[in-house]
C-alpha atoms as a PDB file:
ATOM      1  CA  MET A   1       0.000   0.000   0.000  1.00  0.00           C
ATOM      2  CA  LYS A   2       1.305   3.429  -0.983  1.00  0.00           C
ATOM      3  CA  ILE A   3      -0.313   6.325   0.840  1.00  0.00           C
ATOM      4  CA  ALA A   4       0.146  10.026   0.110  1.00  0.00           C
ATOM      5  CA  ILE A   5      -0.145  12.642   2.830  1.00  0.00           C
ATOM      6  CA  MET A   6      -0.351  16.147   1.487  1.00  0.00           C
ATOM      7  CA  GLY A   7      -0.497  19.661   2.887  1.00  0.00           C
ATOM      8  CA  ALA A   8      -0.295  23.110   1.353  1.00  0.00           C
ATOM      9  CA  MET A   9       2.325  24.732   3.591  1.00  0.00           C
ATOM     10  CA  PRO A  10       5.455  23.511   5.407  1.00  0.00           C
ATOM     11  CA  GLU A  11       3.701  24.061   8.745  1.00  0.00           C
ATOM     12  CA  GLU A  12       1.038  21.539   7.730  1.00  0.00           C
ATOM     13  CA  ILE A  13       3.460  18.657   7.151  1.00  0.00           C
ATOM     14  CA  GLU A  14       6.166  19.434   9.728  1.00  0.00           C
ATOM     15  CA  PRO A  15       4.295  17.609  12.539  1.00  0.00           C
ATOM     16  CA  LEU A  16       4.090  14.537  10.277  1.00  0.00           C
ATOM     17  CA  LEU A  17       7.803  14.564   9.418  1.00  0.00           C
ATOM     18  CA  GLU A  18       8.627  15.023  13.091  1.00  0.00           C
ATOM     19  CA  TYR A  19       6.432  12.062  14.037  1.00  0.00           C
ATOM     20  CA  PHE A  20       7.809   9.616  11.465  1.00  0.00           C
ATOM     21  CA  GLY A  21      11.396  10.799  11.984  1.00  0.00           C
ATOM     22  CA  LYS A  22      13.319   8.968   9.261  1.00  0.00           C
ATOM     23  CA  TYR A  23      12.577   9.624   5.614  1.00  0.00           C
ATOM     24  CA  LYS A  24      14.207  10.034   2.237  1.00  0.00           C
ATOM     25  CA  THR A  25      13.922  13.356   0.401  1.00  0.00           C
ATOM     26  CA  ILE A  26      13.319  13.321  -3.356  1.00  0.00           C
ATOM     27  CA  GLU A  27      13.321  16.553  -5.360  1.00  0.00           C
ATOM     28  CA  TYR A  28      11.025  16.610  -8.370  1.00  0.00           C
ATOM     29  CA  ALA A  29       9.005  19.231 -10.278  1.00  0.00           C
ATOM     30  CA  LYS A  30      10.497  22.052  -8.193  1.00  0.00           C
ATOM     31  CA  ASN A  31       9.241  20.438  -4.990  1.00  0.00           C
ATOM     32  CA  LYS A  32      10.348  18.017  -2.284  1.00  0.00           C
ATOM     33  CA  PHE A  33       8.724  14.657  -1.570  1.00  0.00           C
ATOM     34  CA  TYR A  34       9.481  12.770   1.617  1.00  0.00           C
ATOM     35  CA  THR A  35       9.248   8.969   1.372  1.00  0.00           C
ATOM     36  CA  LEU A  36       9.369   6.410   4.157  1.00  0.00           C
ATOM     37  CA  ASP A  37       8.399   2.861   5.007  1.00  0.00           C
ATOM     38  CA  TYR A  38       5.991   2.492   7.897  1.00  0.00           C
ATOM     39  CA  LYS A  39       4.622  -0.817   9.154  1.00  0.00           C
ATOM     40  CA  GLY A  40       4.892  -2.452   5.738  1.00  0.00           C
ATOM     41  CA  SER A  41       3.398   0.458   3.795  1.00  0.00           C
ATOM     42  CA  GLU A  42       5.110   3.216   1.845  1.00  0.00           C
ATOM     43  CA  ILE A  43       4.175   6.773   2.752  1.00  0.00           C
ATOM     44  CA  VAL A  44       4.946   9.830   0.632  1.00  0.00           C
ATOM     45  CA  ILE A  45       4.565  13.246   2.254  1.00  0.00           C
ATOM     46  CA  ALA A  46       4.591  16.578   0.423  1.00  0.00           C
ATOM     47  CA  TYR A  47       3.404  20.132   0.664  1.00  0.00           C
ATOM     48  CA  SER A  48       2.223  21.730  -2.539  1.00  0.00           C
ATOM     49  CA  LYS A  49       2.585  25.423  -1.810  1.00  0.00           C
ATOM     50  CA  ILE A  50      -0.547  27.544  -1.751  1.00  0.00           C
ATOM     51  CA  GLY A  51      -3.209  27.518  -4.457  1.00  0.00           C
ATOM     52  CA  LYS A  52      -5.139  25.271  -6.801  1.00  0.00           C
ATOM     53  CA  VAL A  53      -2.505  24.981  -9.543  1.00  0.00           C
ATOM     54  CA  ASN A  54       0.248  23.988  -7.109  1.00  0.00           C
ATOM     55  CA  ALA A  55      -2.106  21.529  -5.430  1.00  0.00           C
ATOM     56  CA  THR A  56      -2.962  19.992  -8.805  1.00  0.00           C
ATOM     57  CA  ILE A  57       0.708  19.534  -9.709  1.00  0.00           C
ATOM     58  CA  THR A  58       1.540  17.925  -6.369  1.00  0.00           C
ATOM     59  CA  ALA A  59      -1.479  15.623  -6.209  1.00  0.00           C
ATOM     60  CA  THR A  60      -0.853  14.452  -9.786  1.00  0.00           C
ATOM     61  CA  THR A  61       2.818  13.817  -9.026  1.00  0.00           C
ATOM     62  CA  LEU A  62       2.002  11.821  -5.890  1.00  0.00           C
ATOM     63  CA  ILE A  63      -0.278   9.574  -7.941  1.00  0.00           C
ATOM     64  CA  GLU A  64       1.448   9.358 -11.330  1.00  0.00           C
ATOM     65  CA  LYS A  65       5.136   9.397 -10.338  1.00  0.00           C
ATOM     66  CA  PHE A  66       5.041   7.853  -6.864  1.00  0.00           C
ATOM     67  CA  GLY A  67       2.114   5.492  -7.460  1.00  0.00           C
ATOM     68  CA  CYS A  68       0.148   6.450  -4.349  1.00  0.00           C
ATOM     69  CA  GLU A  69      -3.106   4.529  -4.018  1.00  0.00           C
ATOM     70  CA  LYS A  70      -4.798   6.765  -1.445  1.00  0.00           C
ATOM     71  CA  LEU A  71      -4.356  10.464  -0.711  1.00  0.00           C
ATOM     72  CA  LEU A  72      -4.982  12.121   2.642  1.00  0.00           C
ATOM     73  CA  PHE A  73      -4.840  15.907   2.925  1.00  0.00           C
ATOM     74  CA  SER A  74      -3.946  17.472   6.272  1.00  0.00           C
ATOM     75  CA  GLY A  75      -4.194  21.196   6.801  1.00  0.00           C
ATOM     76  CA  VAL A  76      -6.060  24.228   8.054  1.00  0.00           C
ATOM     77  CA  ALA A  77      -9.085  26.150   6.826  1.00  0.00           C
ATOM     78  CA  GLY A  78     -11.119  29.200   7.649  1.00  0.00           C
ATOM     79  CA  ALA A  79     -14.648  28.801   8.926  1.00  0.00           C
ATOM     80  CA  ILE A  80     -17.507  30.422   7.063  1.00  0.00           C
ATOM     81  CA  ALA A  81     -20.238  28.657   9.043  1.00  0.00           C
ATOM     82  CA  SER A  82     -20.890  30.454  12.333  1.00  0.00           C
ATOM     83  CA  SER A  83     -21.072  27.132  14.181  1.00  0.00           C
ATOM     84  CA  LEU A  84     -17.387  26.336  13.535  1.00  0.00           C
ATOM     85  CA  LYS A  85     -14.722  27.512  15.949  1.00  0.00           C
ATOM     86  CA  VAL A  86     -10.916  27.611  15.993  1.00  0.00           C
ATOM     87  CA  GLY A  87      -9.520  24.090  16.520  1.00  0.00           C
ATOM     88  CA  ASP A  88     -12.588  22.240  15.200  1.00  0.00           C
ATOM     89  CA  LEU A  89     -11.787  19.307  12.927  1.00  0.00           C
ATOM     90  CA  VAL A  90     -13.788  19.256   9.702  1.00  0.00           C
ATOM     91  CA  ILE A  91     -13.880  16.637   6.978  1.00  0.00           C
ATOM     92  CA  ALA A  92     -15.043  17.347   3.455  1.00  0.00           C
ATOM     93  CA  THR A  93     -18.041  15.399   2.196  1.00  0.00           C
ATOM     94  CA  LYS A  94     -17.651  17.241  -1.093  1.00  0.00           C
ATOM     95  CA  LEU A  95     -15.752  20.243  -2.420  1.00  0.00           C
ATOM     96  CA  SER A  96     -16.381  23.092  -4.852  1.00  0.00           C
ATOM     97  CA  GLN A  97     -14.410  25.860  -6.562  1.00  0.00           C
ATOM     98  CA  HIS A  98     -15.984  29.096  -5.397  1.00  0.00           C
ATOM     99  CA  ASP A  99     -13.936  31.224  -7.809  1.00  0.00           C
ATOM    100  CA  LEU A 100     -14.891  29.324 -10.956  1.00  0.00           C
ATOM    101  CA  ASP A 101     -17.432  31.529 -12.699  1.00  0.00           C
ATOM    102  CA  ILE A 102     -18.941  30.822 -16.114  1.00  0.00           C
ATOM    103  CA  THR A 103     -22.394  32.043 -15.119  1.00  0.00           C
ATOM    104  CA  ALA A 104     -22.367  34.205 -18.275  1.00  0.00           C
ATOM    105  CA  PHE A 105     -23.025  30.974 -20.190  1.00  0.00           C
ATOM    106  CA  GLY A 106     -25.950  29.977 -18.013  1.00  0.00           C
ATOM    107  CA  HIS A 107     -24.057  27.636 -15.657  1.00  0.00           C
ATOM    108  CA  PRO A 108     -24.094  27.799 -11.842  1.00  0.00           C
ATOM    109  CA  TYR A 109     -21.119  29.121  -9.907  1.00  0.00           C
ATOM    110  CA  GLY A 110     -18.415  26.473  -9.510  1.00  0.00           C
ATOM    111  CA  TYR A 111     -19.569  24.397 -12.462  1.00  0.00           C
ATOM    112  CA  VAL A 112     -16.859  22.609 -14.429  1.00  0.00           C
ATOM    113  CA  PRO A 113     -17.800  21.884 -18.070  1.00  0.00           C
ATOM    114  CA  GLU A 114     -18.285  18.129 -18.544  1.00  0.00           C
ATOM    115  CA  GLY A 115     -18.173  17.886 -14.760  1.00  0.00           C
ATOM    116  CA  SER A 116     -20.169  19.198 -11.843  1.00  0.00           C
ATOM    117  CA  VAL A 117     -20.219  21.886  -9.157  1.00  0.00           C
ATOM    118  CA  TYR A 118     -19.010  19.451  -6.473  1.00  0.00           C
ATOM    119  CA  GLU A 119     -16.399  16.698  -6.159  1.00  0.00           C
ATOM    120  CA  GLU A 120     -17.393  13.905  -3.780  1.00  0.00           C
ATOM    121  CA  ALA A 121     -14.891  12.651  -1.189  1.00  0.00           C
ATOM    122  CA  ASP A 122     -14.259   8.931  -0.696  1.00  0.00           C
ATOM    123  CA  LYS A 123     -16.944   7.414   1.526  1.00  0.00           C
ATOM    124  CA  GLU A 124     -14.773   4.556   2.799  1.00  0.00           C
ATOM    125  CA  LEU A 125     -12.058   6.918   4.038  1.00  0.00           C
ATOM    126  CA  ILE A 126     -14.726   9.071   5.692  1.00  0.00           C
ATOM    127  CA  LYS A 127     -16.025   5.921   7.387  1.00  0.00           C
ATOM    128  CA  ILE A 128     -12.515   5.123   8.662  1.00  0.00           C
ATOM    129  CA  ALA A 129     -12.168   8.690   9.954  1.00  0.00           C
ATOM    130  CA  LYS A 130     -15.438   8.427  11.863  1.00  0.00           C
ATOM    131  CA  SER A 131     -14.323   5.150  13.396  1.00  0.00           C
ATOM    132  CA  VAL A 132     -11.019   6.672  14.518  1.00  0.00           C
ATOM    133  CA  ALA A 133     -12.810   9.707  15.941  1.00  0.00           C
ATOM    134  CA  LEU A 134     -15.236   7.521  17.891  1.00  0.00           C
ATOM    135  CA  LYS A 135     -12.392   5.432  19.299  1.00  0.00           C
ATOM    136  CA  GLU A 136     -10.385   8.482  20.368  1.00  0.00           C
ATOM    137  CA  GLY A 137     -13.316  10.576  21.564  1.00  0.00           C
ATOM    138  CA  ILE A 138     -12.763  13.281  18.955  1.00  0.00           C
ATOM    139  CA  GLU A 139     -15.539  15.316  17.400  1.00  0.00           C
ATOM    140  CA  LEU A 140     -15.449  15.405  13.608  1.00  0.00           C
ATOM    141  CA  ILE A 141     -17.679  17.780  11.694  1.00  0.00           C
ATOM    142  CA  GLU A 142     -18.716  16.879   8.153  1.00  0.00           C
ATOM    143  CA  THR A 143     -19.149  19.812   5.809  1.00  0.00           C
ATOM    144  CA  ILE A 144     -18.832  21.049   2.261  1.00  0.00           C
ATOM    145  CA  ILE A 145     -15.522  22.829   1.691  1.00  0.00           C
ATOM    146  CA  ALA A 146     -15.148  25.658  -0.798  1.00  0.00           C
ATOM    147  CA  THR A 147     -11.806  26.228  -2.549  1.00  0.00           C
ATOM    148  CA  GLY A 148     -10.455  29.275  -4.340  1.00  0.00           C
ATOM    149  CA  ASP A 149      -7.233  31.115  -5.162  1.00  0.00           C
ATOM    150  CA  GLN A 150      -7.974  33.913  -2.729  1.00  0.00           C
ATOM    151  CA  PHE A 151      -7.478  34.461   0.988  1.00  0.00           C
ATOM    152  CA  ILE A 152     -10.937  35.766   1.874  1.00  0.00           C
ATOM    153  CA  CYS A 153     -11.209  38.318   4.679  1.00  0.00           C
ATOM    154  CA  GLU A 154     -14.372  40.211   3.746  1.00  0.00           C
ATOM    155  CA  VAL A 155     -17.435  39.116   5.715  1.00  0.00           C
ATOM    156  CA  GLU A 156     -19.723  39.782   2.749  1.00  0.00           C
ATOM    157  CA  LYS A 157     -17.690  37.472   0.488  1.00  0.00           C
ATOM    158  CA  LYS A 158     -17.596  34.743   3.133  1.00  0.00           C
ATOM    159  CA  ASP A 159     -21.371  34.976   3.501  1.00  0.00           C
ATOM    160  CA  TRP A 160     -21.832  34.742  -0.275  1.00  0.00           C
ATOM    161  CA  ILE A 161     -19.654  31.610  -0.531  1.00  0.00           C
ATOM    162  CA  GLN A 162     -21.402  29.999   2.421  1.00  0.00           C
ATOM    163  CA  LYS A 163     -24.855  30.596   0.952  1.00  0.00           C
ATOM    164  CA  THR A 164     -23.971  29.811  -2.663  1.00  0.00           C
ATOM    165  CA  PHE A 165     -22.236  26.489  -1.981  1.00  0.00           C
ATOM    166  CA  ASP A 166     -23.765  25.588   1.415  1.00  0.00           C
ATOM    167  CA  ALA A 167     -20.153  25.378   2.598  1.00  0.00           C
ATOM    168  CA  GLY A 168     -18.837  25.396   6.141  1.00  0.00           C
ATOM    169  CA  ALA A 169     -15.142  26.023   5.515  1.00  0.00           C
ATOM    170  CA  LEU A 170     -12.927  27.839   3.072  1.00  0.00           C
ATOM    171  CA  GLU A 171      -9.412  27.071   1.790  1.00  0.00           C
ATOM    172  CA  MET A 172      -7.217  27.187  -1.322  1.00  0.00           C
ATOM    173  CA  GLU A 173      -6.379  23.608  -2.432  1.00  0.00           C
ATOM    174  CA  GLY A 174      -8.943  20.951  -1.592  1.00  0.00           C
ATOM    175  CA  ALA A 175     -11.217  21.019  -4.642  1.00  0.00           C
ATOM    176  CA  ALA A 176      -8.201  20.835  -6.964  1.00  0.00           C
ATOM    177  CA  VAL A 177      -6.922  17.760  -5.124  1.00  0.00           C
ATOM    178  CA  ALA A 178     -10.408  16.255  -5.273  1.00  0.00           C
ATOM    179  CA  LEU A 179     -10.667  16.831  -9.021  1.00  0.00           C
ATOM    180  CA  VAL A 180      -7.304  15.140  -9.669  1.00  0.00           C
ATOM    181  CA  CYS A 181      -8.041  12.160  -7.444  1.00  0.00           C
ATOM    182  CA  ASN A 182     -11.489  11.531  -8.882  1.00  0.00           C
ATOM    183  CA  ALA A 183     -10.179  11.855 -12.437  1.00  0.00           C
ATOM    184  CA  LEU A 184      -7.469   9.265 -11.702  1.00  0.00           C
ATOM    185  CA  ASP A 185      -9.692   6.997  -9.557  1.00  0.00           C
ATOM    186  CA  VAL A 186      -7.670   7.439  -6.375  1.00  0.00           C
ATOM    187  CA  PRO A 187      -9.613   7.589  -3.074  1.00  0.00           C
ATOM    188  CA  PHE A 188      -8.999  10.842  -1.209  1.00  0.00           C
ATOM    189  CA  PHE A 189      -9.794  12.394   2.142  1.00  0.00           C
ATOM    190  CA  ILE A 190      -9.599  16.087   3.074  1.00  0.00           C
ATOM    191  CA  LEU A 191      -9.182  16.995   6.748  1.00  0.00           C
ATOM    192  CA  ARG A 192      -8.956  20.582   7.911  1.00  0.00           C
ATOM    193  CA  SER A 193      -8.525  22.082  11.361  1.00  0.00           C
ATOM    194  CA  ILE A 194     -10.196  25.453  11.682  1.00  0.00           C
ATOM    195  CA  SER A 195      -7.599  28.204  12.064  1.00  0.00           C
ATOM    196  CA  ASP A 196      -9.909  31.217  11.950  1.00  0.00           C
ATOM    197  CA  ALA A 197     -13.596  31.610  12.692  1.00  0.00           C
ATOM    198  CA  ALA A 198     -16.226  33.253  10.518  1.00  0.00           C
ATOM    199  CA  ASP A 199     -16.601  36.251  12.839  1.00  0.00           C
ATOM    200  CA  MET A 200     -12.879  37.132  12.852  1.00  0.00           C
ATOM    201  CA  ASP A 201     -11.944  40.230  10.903  1.00  0.00           C
ATOM    202  CA  ALA A 202      -8.887  40.928   8.786  1.00  0.00           C
ATOM    203  CA  SER A 203      -6.896  42.116  11.812  1.00  0.00           C
ATOM    204  CA  PHE A 204      -6.505  38.652  13.328  1.00  0.00           C
ATOM    205  CA  SER A 205      -3.109  36.924  13.197  1.00  0.00           C
ATOM    206  CA  PHE A 206      -3.300  33.886  10.925  1.00  0.00           C
ATOM    207  CA  ASP A 207       0.163  32.721  12.010  1.00  0.00           C
ATOM    208  CA  GLU A 208      -0.993  32.677  15.620  1.00  0.00           C
ATOM    209  CA  PHE A 209      -3.438  29.860  14.906  1.00  0.00           C
ATOM    210  CA  LEU A 210      -1.720  28.108  11.981  1.00  0.00           C
ATOM    211  CA  GLU A 211       0.784  26.027  13.931  1.00  0.00           C
ATOM    212  CA  SER A 212      -1.604  24.763  16.606  1.00  0.00           C
ATOM    213  CA  SER A 213      -4.363  23.976  14.106  1.00  0.00           C
ATOM    214  CA  ALA A 214      -1.939  22.166  11.776  1.00  0.00           C
ATOM    215  CA  LYS A 215      -0.789  19.965  14.657  1.00  0.00           C
ATOM    216  CA  ILE A 216      -4.382  19.007  15.461  1.00  0.00           C
ATOM    217  CA  SER A 217      -5.015  17.982  11.854  1.00  0.00           C
ATOM    218  CA  ALA A 218      -1.721  16.080  11.517  1.00  0.00           C
ATOM    219  CA  LYS A 219      -2.295  14.122  14.727  1.00  0.00           C
ATOM    220  CA  PHE A 220      -5.610  12.855  13.441  1.00  0.00           C
ATOM    221  CA  ILE A 221      -4.148  11.926  10.051  1.00  0.00           C
ATOM    222  CA  ILE A 222      -1.525   9.802  11.827  1.00  0.00           C
ATOM    223  CA  SER A 223      -4.294   7.911  13.628  1.00  0.00           C
ATOM    224  CA  MET A 224      -6.033   7.366  10.295  1.00  0.00           C
ATOM    225  CA  ILE A 225      -2.833   5.989   8.749  1.00  0.00           C
ATOM    226  CA  GLU A 226      -2.610   3.466  11.585  1.00  0.00           C
ATOM    227  CA  SER A 227      -6.193   2.369  10.968  1.00  0.00           C
ATOM    228  CA  ILE A 228      -5.761   2.125   7.180  1.00  0.00           C
ATOM    229  CA  ILE A 229      -2.638  -0.002   7.557  1.00  0.00           C
ATOM    230  CA  ASP A 230      -4.337  -2.261  10.116  1.00  0.00           C
ATOM    231  CA  LYS A 231      -7.183  -2.904   7.668  1.00  0.00           C
ATOM    232  CA  THR A 232      -4.755  -4.013   4.940  1.00  0.00           C
ATOM    233  CA  LYS A 233      -3.125  -6.704   7.095  1.00  0.00           C
END
């Protein structure tokens, strides 16, 4: 079994590299990929850099070059649902691109020609996540995640995205990863720890919450890896 673990920023994968300890670094496509053997499975860890294009390149590389059979994304997101608070763990049931707009041609926001507004996440990996959460007494919140190449601070824009896509969280990579994985028939799972709440304004310090939220997400991904490997034995 080859499993990919992906983040967008160094802070999102550093807790994973620290946990596993020993790994080999491979440079490819102007990026670094960290490979290791763990309990009979091969794990490849990478961060894509921010944005949908970078996420697409990295997810495709993890699948096509490294042969990963499952992809787990660990990272942070901003809340756009008022019920979500800093530190909450959310899992994507489906994802959309909030900045994809061809409404001039009569299509809904987020629609991909020959595709759909939403990309569905893998139900079996979601089931595994729920099982891990139940075992460890962790609350997981299922939601739609909206993705776009913008860091959104304006309350009005957040409200529009939340209402248009019925989304609970906002980030910059997930839908691109989802599109790649579904196109290449690779099961994927997107986990995000909330780093900023919907009622925070532009004056809040993102860096203040990034590290702690990334650690929360990474810790849960490690527990999922253990469960996935156990099921393959």
